[in-house]
Amino acid sequence: MTWQLWIDYHRTDGEGLTHGNVRNAVPGTTLVVGEYIVVGNEEADPAVAEVVQVGPDGLVLVRTLPGPAEEHLDLVGRRTAQAGGS
């Protein structure tokens, strides 16, 4: 399984959000607040995460869901209710 956004799982803040950057998104991936994407890196298993913030400076904050990505793949591409999606 490939990820849509490369992240370093150790780059988290006090609220448990993982920090990434739009330049580390796979070409063709649009990062939309409230949408679920697959995240990962070469040294860890992929996971599903909710995009919480995309800043003008390229900073991306995601909330990684617990467990293997396969448990949450049905969410990928969907938006959360808080983000105004269906």
Protein backbone atom coordinates (compact mmCIF):
# COMPACT_ATOMS: atom_id res chain seq x y z
CA MET A 1 0.00 0.00 0.00
CA THR A 2 1.32 3.43 -0.87
CA TRP A 3 0.69 6.62 1.02
CA GLN A 4 -0.62 9.94 -0.21
CA LEU A 5 1.43 11.99 2.23
CA TRP A 6 4.86 11.17 3.63
CA ILE A 7 5.03 11.95 7.35
CA ASP A 8 7.41 11.41 10.22
CA TYR A 9 5.21 9.83 12.89
CA HIS A 10 7.46 11.33 15.59
CA ARG A 11 6.70 14.95 14.59
CA THR A 12 3.66 15.45 16.81
CA ASP A 13 2.52 18.36 18.90
CA GLY A 14 0.93 18.55 22.34
CA GLU A 15 -2.53 17.91 20.89
CA GLY A 16 -1.45 14.66 19.24
CA LEU A 17 -1.45 16.06 15.71
CA THR A 18 1.30 14.93 13.35
CA HIS A 19 3.08 17.59 11.30
CA GLY A 20 3.76 17.16 7.59
CA ASN A 21 4.30 19.34 4.56
CA VAL A 22 2.43 19.66 1.27
CA ARG A 23 5.70 19.17 -0.64
CA ASN A 24 5.72 15.60 0.73
CA ALA A 25 2.35 14.75 -0.84
CA VAL A 26 2.32 12.34 -3.76
CA PRO A 27 1.92 14.29 -7.04
CA GLY A 28 -1.76 14.64 -7.88
CA THR A 29 -2.86 14.47 -4.24
CA THR A 30 -5.01 17.37 -3.07
CA LEU A 31 -4.97 17.83 0.69
CA VAL A 32 -8.39 18.99 1.89
CA VAL A 33 -9.21 19.76 5.51
CA GLY A 34 -11.60 17.14 6.86
CA GLU A 35 -10.65 14.48 4.32
CA TYR A 36 -9.07 11.16 5.21
CA ILE A 37 -5.84 10.15 3.48
CA VAL A 38 -3.23 7.40 3.74
CA VAL A 39 -0.01 8.56 5.41
CA GLY A 40 3.27 6.81 6.00
CA ASN A 41 6.99 6.55 5.41
CA GLU A 42 9.62 4.00 4.44
CA GLU A 43 10.19 2.81 8.01
CA ALA A 44 6.63 2.39 9.29
CA ASP A 45 3.34 0.86 8.25
CA PRO A 46 0.88 3.17 6.51
CA ALA A 47 -2.03 4.61 8.47
CA VAL A 48 -5.19 6.55 7.73
CA ALA A 49 -5.29 10.13 8.97
CA GLU A 50 -7.70 13.04 8.92
CA VAL A 51 -6.33 16.29 7.45
CA VAL A 52 -6.89 18.87 10.19
CA GLN A 53 -5.10 21.89 8.76
CA VAL A 54 -3.28 22.94 5.61
CA GLY A 55 -1.40 26.18 6.19
CA PRO A 56 -0.35 28.80 3.64
CA ASP A 57 3.27 27.93 4.45
CA GLY A 58 2.71 24.29 3.45
CA LEU A 59 2.40 22.93 6.99
CA VAL A 60 -0.09 20.05 7.15
CA LEU A 61 -1.51 18.79 10.42
CA VAL A 62 -3.10 15.33 10.49
CA ARG A 63 -4.81 13.24 13.15
CA THR A 64 -3.69 9.64 12.64
CA LEU A 65 -6.26 6.96 13.39
CA PRO A 66 -5.14 4.02 15.56
CA GLY A 67 -4.50 0.62 14.05
CA PRO A 68 -3.56 -0.55 10.59
CA ALA A 69 -4.62 1.43 7.54
CA GLU A 70 -6.67 -1.51 6.28
CA GLU A 71 -9.11 -1.02 9.18
CA HIS A 72 -9.98 2.49 7.97
CA LEU A 73 -9.63 2.43 4.18
CA ASP A 74 -13.38 2.93 3.79
CA LEU A 75 -12.84 6.49 5.10
CA VAL A 76 -10.17 7.49 2.57
CA GLY A 77 -11.47 10.23 0.30
CA ARG A 78 -14.42 11.00 2.59
CA ARG A 79 -14.86 14.19 4.56
CA THR A 80 -15.78 14.55 8.21
CA ALA A 81 -19.09 16.09 9.20
CA GLN A 82 -17.26 18.96 10.95
CA ALA A 83 -15.66 19.91 7.63
CA GLY A 84 -19.05 20.26 6.02
CA GLY A 85 -18.80 17.08 3.97
CA SER A 86 -21.19 14.19 3.64
